[in-house]
C-alpha atoms as a PDB file:
ATOM      1  CA  UNK A   1       7.472 -21.010  10.827  1.00  0.00           C
ATOM      2  CA  UNK A   2       5.364 -18.408  12.588  1.00  0.00           C
ATOM      3  CA  UNK A   3       3.316 -19.713  15.510  1.00  0.00           C
ATOM      4  CA  UNK A   4      -0.122 -18.081  15.554  1.00  0.00           C
ATOM      5  CA  UNK A   5      -0.575 -18.680  19.236  1.00  0.00           C
ATOM      6  CA  UNK A   6       2.524 -16.608  19.998  1.00  0.00           C
ATOM      7  CA  UNK A   7       0.974 -13.617  18.307  1.00  0.00           C
ATOM      8  CA  UNK A   8      -2.616 -13.940  19.534  1.00  0.00           C
ATOM      9  CA  UNK A   9      -2.197 -11.537  22.441  1.00  0.00           C
ATOM     10  CA  UNK A  10      -0.297  -8.952  20.442  1.00  0.00           C
ATOM     11  CA  UNK A  11      -2.773  -9.045  17.617  1.00  0.00           C
ATOM     12  CA  UNK A  12      -5.720  -8.734  19.884  1.00  0.00           C
ATOM     13  CA  UNK A  13      -4.209  -5.672  21.634  1.00  0.00           C
ATOM     14  CA  UNK A  14      -3.356  -4.065  18.198  1.00  0.00           C
ATOM     15  CA  UNK A  15      -7.010  -3.803  17.318  1.00  0.00           C
ATOM     16  CA  UNK A  16      -8.734  -3.373  20.740  1.00  0.00           C
ATOM     17  CA  UNK A  17      -9.925  -0.151  22.237  1.00  0.00           C
ATOM     18  CA  UNK A  18      -9.264  -0.382  25.964  1.00  0.00           C
ATOM     19  CA  UNK A  19     -13.007   0.258  26.584  1.00  0.00           C
ATOM     20  CA  UNK A  20     -14.534  -1.788  23.753  1.00  0.00           C
ATOM     21  CA  UNK A  21     -14.382  -5.492  22.836  1.00  0.00           C
ATOM     22  CA  UNK A  22     -14.147  -6.132  19.131  1.00  0.00           C
ATOM     23  CA  UNK A  23     -16.476  -8.375  17.253  1.00  0.00           C
ATOM     24  CA  UNK A  24     -15.791 -11.841  15.989  1.00  0.00           C
ATOM     25  CA  UNK A  25     -15.545 -10.320  12.478  1.00  0.00           C
ATOM     26  CA  UNK A  26     -12.755  -8.025  13.616  1.00  0.00           C
ATOM     27  CA  UNK A  27     -10.894 -11.011  15.186  1.00  0.00           C
ATOM     28  CA  UNK A  28     -11.281 -12.912  11.949  1.00  0.00           C
ATOM     29  CA  UNK A  29      -9.551 -10.111  10.059  1.00  0.00           C
ATOM     30  CA  UNK A  30      -6.729 -10.038  12.577  1.00  0.00           C
ATOM     31  CA  UNK A  31      -6.097 -13.734  12.246  1.00  0.00           C
ATOM     32  CA  UNK A  32      -6.222 -13.480   8.440  1.00  0.00           C
ATOM     33  CA  UNK A  33      -3.125 -11.245   8.571  1.00  0.00           C
ATOM     34  CA  UNK A  34      -1.342 -13.689  10.854  1.00  0.00           C
ATOM     35  CA  UNK A  35      -2.377 -16.631   8.741  1.00  0.00           C
ATOM     36  CA  UNK A  36      -1.227 -14.930   5.508  1.00  0.00           C
ATOM     37  CA  UNK A  37       2.145 -14.172   7.185  1.00  0.00           C
ATOM     38  CA  UNK A  38       2.464 -17.830   8.158  1.00  0.00           C
ATOM     39  CA  UNK A  39       1.572 -19.199   4.708  1.00  0.00           C
ATOM     40  CA  UNK A  40       3.980 -16.900   2.941  1.00  0.00           C
ATOM     41  CA  UNK A  41       6.860 -17.132   5.468  1.00  0.00           C
ATOM     42  CA  UNK A  42       8.383 -20.468   4.106  1.00  0.00           C
ATOM     43  CA  UNK A  43       8.908 -18.767   0.778  1.00  0.00           C
ATOM     44  CA  UNK A  44      10.565 -15.598   2.176  1.00  0.00           C
ATOM     45  CA  UNK A  45      14.157 -14.950   3.180  1.00  0.00           C
ATOM     46  CA  UNK A  46      14.307 -13.126   6.441  1.00  0.00           C
ATOM     47  CA  UNK A  47      17.311 -10.925   7.350  1.00  0.00           C
ATOM     48  CA  UNK A  48      18.306  -8.590  10.134  1.00  0.00           C
ATOM     49  CA  UNK A  49      18.625  -4.810   9.514  1.00  0.00           C
ATOM     50  CA  UNK A  50      20.088  -2.268  11.894  1.00  0.00           C
ATOM     51  CA  UNK A  51      18.182   0.645  13.536  1.00  0.00           C
ATOM     52  CA  UNK A  52      17.399   3.641  11.298  1.00  0.00           C
ATOM     53  CA  UNK A  53      17.212   1.567   8.200  1.00  0.00           C
ATOM     54  CA  UNK A  54      14.803   3.183   5.697  1.00  0.00           C
ATOM     55  CA  UNK A  55      12.921   1.095   3.195  1.00  0.00           C
ATOM     56  CA  UNK A  56      10.717   2.562   0.493  1.00  0.00           C
ATOM     57  CA  UNK A  57       7.367   1.041  -0.616  1.00  0.00           C
ATOM     58  CA  UNK A  58       7.963   2.242  -4.143  1.00  0.00           C
ATOM     59  CA  UNK A  59      11.421   2.701  -5.685  1.00  0.00           C
ATOM     60  CA  UNK A  60      12.813   2.888  -9.181  1.00  0.00           C
ATOM     61  CA  UNK A  61       9.464   1.948 -10.769  1.00  0.00           C
ATOM     62  CA  UNK A  62       8.903  -1.140  -8.549  1.00  0.00           C
ATOM     63  CA  UNK A  63       6.496  -1.628  -5.710  1.00  0.00           C
ATOM     64  CA  UNK A  64       7.883  -3.452  -2.666  1.00  0.00           C
ATOM     65  CA  UNK A  65       6.191  -5.245   0.259  1.00  0.00           C
ATOM     66  CA  UNK A  66       7.734  -6.069   3.627  1.00  0.00           C
ATOM     67  CA  UNK A  67       7.157  -8.821   6.184  1.00  0.00           C
ATOM     68  CA  UNK A  68       8.392  -7.938   9.719  1.00  0.00           C
ATOM     69  CA  UNK A  69       8.957 -10.886  12.057  1.00  0.00           C
ATOM     70  CA  UNK A  70      10.783  -9.171  14.874  1.00  0.00           C
ATOM     71  CA  UNK A  71      11.594  -5.539  15.817  1.00  0.00           C
ATOM     72  CA  UNK A  72       9.909  -2.231  15.550  1.00  0.00           C
ATOM     73  CA  UNK A  73       9.176  -0.236  12.337  1.00  0.00           C
ATOM     74  CA  UNK A  74       7.513   3.154  12.039  1.00  0.00           C
ATOM     75  CA  UNK A  75       5.560   4.255   8.935  1.00  0.00           C
ATOM     76  CA  UNK A  76       6.226   7.640   7.378  1.00  0.00           C
ATOM     77  CA  UNK A  77       5.257   9.927   4.512  1.00  0.00           C
ATOM     78  CA  UNK A  78       8.348  11.572   2.957  1.00  0.00           C
ATOM     79  CA  UNK A  79       6.610  14.844   2.272  1.00  0.00           C
ATOM     80  CA  UNK A  80       4.963  15.098   5.690  1.00  0.00           C
ATOM     81  CA  UNK A  81       6.656  15.057   9.157  1.00  0.00           C
ATOM     82  CA  UNK A  82       3.616  13.242  10.707  1.00  0.00           C
ATOM     83  CA  UNK A  83       4.290   9.680  11.914  1.00  0.00           C
ATOM     84  CA  UNK A  84       1.609   7.505  10.256  1.00  0.00           C
ATOM     85  CA  UNK A  85       1.844   4.546  12.570  1.00  0.00           C
ATOM     86  CA  UNK A  86       3.952   1.528  13.610  1.00  0.00           C
ATOM     87  CA  UNK A  87       3.877  -1.993  12.368  1.00  0.00           C
ATOM     88  CA  UNK A  88       2.502  -4.557  14.657  1.00  0.00           C
ATOM     89  CA  UNK A  89       3.864  -8.155  14.656  1.00  0.00           C
ATOM     90  CA  UNK A  90       3.491  -9.996  12.431  1.00  0.00           C
ATOM     91  CA  UNK A  91       3.725  -6.942  10.216  1.00  0.00           C
ATOM     92  CA  UNK A  92       2.845  -6.880   6.503  1.00  0.00           C
ATOM     93  CA  UNK A  93       2.909  -3.686   4.510  1.00  0.00           C
ATOM     94  CA  UNK A  94       2.694  -2.909   0.838  1.00  0.00           C
ATOM     95  CA  UNK A  95       1.411  -6.234  -0.242  1.00  0.00           C
ATOM     96  CA  UNK A  96      -1.786  -4.862  -1.830  1.00  0.00           C
ATOM     97  CA  UNK A  97       0.241  -2.921  -4.438  1.00  0.00           C
ATOM     98  CA  UNK A  98      -2.140  -0.017  -4.331  1.00  0.00           C
ATOM     99  CA  UNK A  99       0.251   2.580  -2.973  1.00  0.00           C
ATOM    100  CA  UNK A 100       1.377   4.913  -5.804  1.00  0.00           C
ATOM    101  CA  UNK A 101       4.898   6.327  -6.052  1.00  0.00           C
ATOM    102  CA  UNK A 102       3.606   9.784  -5.413  1.00  0.00           C
ATOM    103  CA  UNK A 103       2.543   8.719  -1.896  1.00  0.00           C
ATOM    104  CA  UNK A 104       6.218   8.586  -0.857  1.00  0.00           C
ATOM    105  CA  UNK A 105       5.596   6.052   1.902  1.00  0.00           C
ATOM    106  CA  UNK A 106       8.475   4.364   3.659  1.00  0.00           C
ATOM    107  CA  UNK A 107       9.130   2.390   6.802  1.00  0.00           C
ATOM    108  CA  UNK A 108      12.057   2.857   9.199  1.00  0.00           C
ATOM    109  CA  UNK A 109      13.473   0.448  11.790  1.00  0.00           C
ATOM    110  CA  UNK A 110      13.634   1.926  15.279  1.00  0.00           C
ATOM    111  CA  UNK A 111      15.667  -0.895  16.665  1.00  0.00           C
ATOM    112  CA  UNK A 112      17.512  -3.886  15.088  1.00  0.00           C
ATOM    113  CA  UNK A 113      14.754  -5.813  13.316  1.00  0.00           C
ATOM    114  CA  UNK A 114      14.158  -8.861  11.209  1.00  0.00           C
ATOM    115  CA  UNK A 115      12.195  -8.750   7.975  1.00  0.00           C
ATOM    116  CA  UNK A 116      11.796 -10.138   4.503  1.00  0.00           C
ATOM    117  CA  UNK A 117      11.532  -8.072   1.281  1.00  0.00           C
ATOM    118  CA  UNK A 118       9.693  -8.962  -1.924  1.00  0.00           C
ATOM    119  CA  UNK A 119       8.278  -7.146  -4.967  1.00  0.00           C
ATOM    120  CA  UNK A 120       4.575  -6.925  -5.154  1.00  0.00           C
ATOM    121  CA  UNK A 121       4.355  -8.751  -8.521  1.00  0.00           C
ATOM    122  CA  UNK A 122       6.311 -11.728  -7.007  1.00  0.00           C
ATOM    123  CA  UNK A 123       4.003 -11.859  -3.953  1.00  0.00           C
ATOM    124  CA  UNK A 124       0.857 -11.642  -6.104  1.00  0.00           C
ATOM    125  CA  UNK A 125       2.124 -14.518  -8.283  1.00  0.00           C
ATOM    126  CA  UNK A 126       2.870 -16.603  -5.134  1.00  0.00           C
ATOM    127  CA  UNK A 127      -0.540 -15.737  -3.645  1.00  0.00           C
ATOM    128  CA  UNK A 128      -2.205 -16.819  -6.872  1.00  0.00           C
ATOM    129  CA  UNK A 129      -0.203 -20.106  -6.834  1.00  0.00           C
ATOM    130  CA  UNK A 130      -1.157 -20.816  -3.245  1.00  0.00           C
ATOM    131  CA  UNK A 131      -4.776 -19.576  -3.628  1.00  0.00           C
ATOM    132  CA  UNK A 132      -4.461 -17.044  -0.781  1.00  0.00           C
ATOM    133  CA  UNK A 133      -6.551 -14.226  -2.307  1.00  0.00           C
ATOM    134  CA  UNK A 134      -9.221 -14.468   0.397  1.00  0.00           C
ATOM    135  CA  UNK A 135      -6.630 -14.124   3.126  1.00  0.00           C
ATOM    136  CA  UNK A 136      -5.082 -11.122   1.281  1.00  0.00           C
ATOM    137  CA  UNK A 137      -8.410  -9.405   0.743  1.00  0.00           C
ATOM    138  CA  UNK A 138      -9.195  -9.711   4.502  1.00  0.00           C
ATOM    139  CA  UNK A 139      -5.826  -8.281   5.410  1.00  0.00           C
ATOM    140  CA  UNK A 140      -6.303  -5.297   2.936  1.00  0.00           C
ATOM    141  CA  UNK A 141      -9.826  -4.724   4.335  1.00  0.00           C
ATOM    142  CA  UNK A 142      -8.454  -4.532   7.914  1.00  0.00           C
ATOM    143  CA  UNK A 143      -5.689  -2.109   6.856  1.00  0.00           C
ATOM    144  CA  UNK A 144      -8.064   0.029   4.804  1.00  0.00           C
ATOM    145  CA  UNK A 145     -10.447   0.210   7.735  1.00  0.00           C
ATOM    146  CA  UNK A 146      -7.652   1.297  10.133  1.00  0.00           C
ATOM    147  CA  UNK A 147      -6.533   4.059   7.703  1.00  0.00           C
ATOM    148  CA  UNK A 148     -10.144   5.253   7.196  1.00  0.00           C
ATOM    149  CA  UNK A 149     -10.660   5.468  10.965  1.00  0.00           C
ATOM    150  CA  UNK A 150      -7.589   7.499  11.531  1.00  0.00           C
ATOM    151  CA  UNK A 151      -8.322   9.816   8.581  1.00  0.00           C
ATOM    152  CA  UNK A 152     -11.817  10.517   9.850  1.00  0.00           C
ATOM    153  CA  UNK A 153     -10.485  11.108  13.420  1.00  0.00           C
ATOM    154  CA  UNK A 154      -7.795  13.542  12.293  1.00  0.00           C
ATOM    155  CA  UNK A 155     -10.092  15.573  10.061  1.00  0.00           C
ATOM    156  CA  UNK A 156     -13.376  15.732  12.045  1.00  0.00           C
ATOM    157  CA  UNK A 157     -12.555  15.410  15.733  1.00  0.00           C
ATOM    158  CA  UNK A 158     -11.733  17.743  18.576  1.00  0.00           C
ATOM    159  CA  UNK A 159      -8.150  17.963  19.995  1.00  0.00           C
ATOM    160  CA  UNK A 160      -9.128  15.900  23.011  1.00  0.00           C
ATOM    161  CA  UNK A 161     -10.734  13.118  20.877  1.00  0.00           C
ATOM    162  CA  UNK A 162      -7.557  12.950  18.813  1.00  0.00           C
ATOM    163  CA  UNK A 163      -5.356  12.774  21.959  1.00  0.00           C
ATOM    164  CA  UNK A 164      -7.724  10.119  23.553  1.00  0.00           C
ATOM    165  CA  UNK A 165      -7.440   7.969  20.449  1.00  0.00           C
ATOM    166  CA  UNK A 166      -3.629   8.159  20.389  1.00  0.00           C
ATOM    167  CA  UNK A 167      -3.261   7.462  24.080  1.00  0.00           C
ATOM    168  CA  UNK A 168      -5.270   4.275  23.558  1.00  0.00           C
ATOM    169  CA  UNK A 169      -3.093   3.413  20.588  1.00  0.00           C
ATOM    170  CA  UNK A 170       0.109   4.024  22.609  1.00  0.00           C
ATOM    171  CA  UNK A 171      -1.239   1.767  25.371  1.00  0.00           C
ATOM    172  CA  UNK A 172      -1.739  -0.957  22.832  1.00  0.00           C
ATOM    173  CA  UNK A 173       1.810  -0.689  21.472  1.00  0.00           C
ATOM    174  CA  UNK A 174       4.311  -3.494  22.292  1.00  0.00           C
ATOM    175  CA  UNK A 175       6.070  -2.875  25.650  1.00  0.00           C
ATOM    176  CA  UNK A 176       9.409  -2.070  23.985  1.00  0.00           C
ATOM    177  CA  UNK A 177       7.759   0.855  22.219  1.00  0.00           C
ATOM    178  CA  UNK A 178       5.507   2.009  25.080  1.00  0.00           C
ATOM    179  CA  UNK A 179       8.214   1.857  27.670  1.00  0.00           C
ATOM    180  CA  UNK A 180      10.681   3.877  25.685  1.00  0.00           C
ATOM    181  CA  UNK A 181       8.344   6.456  24.213  1.00  0.00           C
ATOM    182  CA  UNK A 182       7.379   9.757  25.883  1.00  0.00           C
ATOM    183  CA  UNK A 183       3.629  10.080  25.591  1.00  0.00           C
ATOM    184  CA  UNK A 184       3.632  13.731  24.445  1.00  0.00           C
ATOM    185  CA  UNK A 185       6.197  12.961  21.676  1.00  0.00           C
ATOM    186  CA  UNK A 186       4.129  10.057  20.485  1.00  0.00           C
ATOM    187  CA  UNK A 187       0.935  12.058  20.126  1.00  0.00           C
ATOM    188  CA  UNK A 188       2.782  15.059  18.634  1.00  0.00           C
ATOM    189  CA  UNK A 189       4.520  12.899  15.991  1.00  0.00           C
ATOM    190  CA  UNK A 190       1.212  11.461  14.856  1.00  0.00           C
ATOM    191  CA  UNK A 191      -0.838  14.567  14.851  1.00  0.00           C
ATOM    192  CA  UNK A 192      -0.631  18.301  13.992  1.00  0.00           C
ATOM    193  CA  UNK A 193      -1.457  19.365  17.536  1.00  0.00           C
ATOM    194  CA  UNK A 194       0.767  21.761  19.379  1.00  0.00           C
ATOM    195  CA  UNK A 195       3.021  20.449  22.137  1.00  0.00           C
ATOM    196  CA  UNK A 196       1.475  22.822  24.680  1.00  0.00           C
ATOM    197  CA  UNK A 197      -2.054  21.561  23.876  1.00  0.00           C
ATOM    198  CA  UNK A 198      -1.042  17.980  24.322  1.00  0.00           C
ATOM    199  CA  UNK A 199       0.876  18.595  27.554  1.00  0.00           C
ATOM    200  CA  UNK A 200      -1.994  20.575  29.068  1.00  0.00           C
ATOM    201  CA  UNK A 201      -4.580  17.761  28.367  1.00  0.00           C
ATOM    202  CA  UNK A 202      -2.150  14.999  29.535  1.00  0.00           C
ATOM    203  CA  UNK A 203      -1.591  16.973  32.829  1.00  0.00           C
ATOM    204  CA  UNK A 204      -5.354  17.297  33.369  1.00  0.00           C
ATOM    205  CA  UNK A 205      -5.982  13.607  32.572  1.00  0.00           C
ATOM    206  CA  UNK A 206      -3.209  12.669  35.012  1.00  0.00           C
ATOM    207  CA  UNK A 207      -4.638  14.958  37.715  1.00  0.00           C
ATOM    208  CA  UNK A 208      -8.111  13.460  37.133  1.00  0.00           C
ATOM    209  CA  UNK A 209      -6.758   9.976  37.670  1.00  0.00           C
ATOM    210  CA  UNK A 210      -7.536   8.818  34.096  1.00  0.00           C
ATOM    211  CA  UNK A 211      -3.909   8.034  33.200  1.00  0.00           C
ATOM    212  CA  UNK A 212      -0.660   7.361  34.979  1.00  0.00           C
ATOM    213  CA  UNK A 213       2.556   8.979  33.659  1.00  0.00           C
ATOM    214  CA  UNK A 214       6.055   8.354  35.007  1.00  0.00           C
ATOM    215  CA  UNK A 215       8.816  10.545  33.613  1.00  0.00           C
ATOM    216  CA  UNK A 216       6.527  11.154  30.648  1.00  0.00           C
ATOM    217  CA  UNK A 217       6.028   7.436  29.983  1.00  0.00           C
ATOM    218  CA  UNK A 218       2.452   6.155  29.794  1.00  0.00           C
ATOM    219  CA  UNK A 219       2.098   3.401  32.444  1.00  0.00           C
ATOM    220  CA  UNK A 220      -1.706   3.031  32.654  1.00  0.00           C
ATOM    221  CA  UNK A 221      -4.934   4.220  31.028  1.00  0.00           C
ATOM    222  CA  UNK A 222      -8.159   3.932  32.907  1.00  0.00           C
ATOM    223  CA  UNK A 223     -11.501   4.571  31.222  1.00  0.00           C
ATOM    224  CA  UNK A 224     -11.032   7.820  29.464  1.00  0.00           C
ATOM    225  CA  UNK A 225     -14.049  10.200  29.196  1.00  0.00           C
ATOM    226  CA  UNK A 226     -15.456  10.453  25.695  1.00  0.00           C
ATOM    227  CA  UNK A 227     -15.557  14.248  25.882  1.00  0.00           C
ATOM    228  CA  UNK A 228     -13.245  16.809  27.257  1.00  0.00           C
END
């Protein structure tokens, strides 16, 4: 069974801007995801999948949800090359059942990973039986807030603000992701910015002492200026 203490540091980092401490309300939402994972885990069958395994959130008329216990999964849109994000541990995706087939969302394992698969109707029946609707609503609220924040950022921000946000996101990724991901590739995969624009700003931030890059890998982020 999942030990919440083992995930406390990872969960805190997943939601924390390096320059801003989150409120108790934000922490409550984080723990709701971990608690929901823990409550449902005894009823799930976890299995290992190799790297580059693609799993659709909607297939053949059925909505699926996934519970990631170990590993690294990226989130994609089949009609768009932009990387939407990565799943933090413990990872839950699709459980709300609100993602339509037309969205074309899928996850893909980047390394050998361990997860459980269920249909959304099966999970909703189990949640109803265990009376976990409050936990589910908090989890959905957190995920919706994260999606909204990224949507606003990508549509109404400057190139620098977008890069700043994703550098902080990269710094908050688990070490196995951060230490094997070239910073410029990470930002480019998650935005529509040109490679030259990203590289120019990263070089200037490095020269100004705001970030440390070694062979393109982000090693440290100091307090980044709010404006370019």
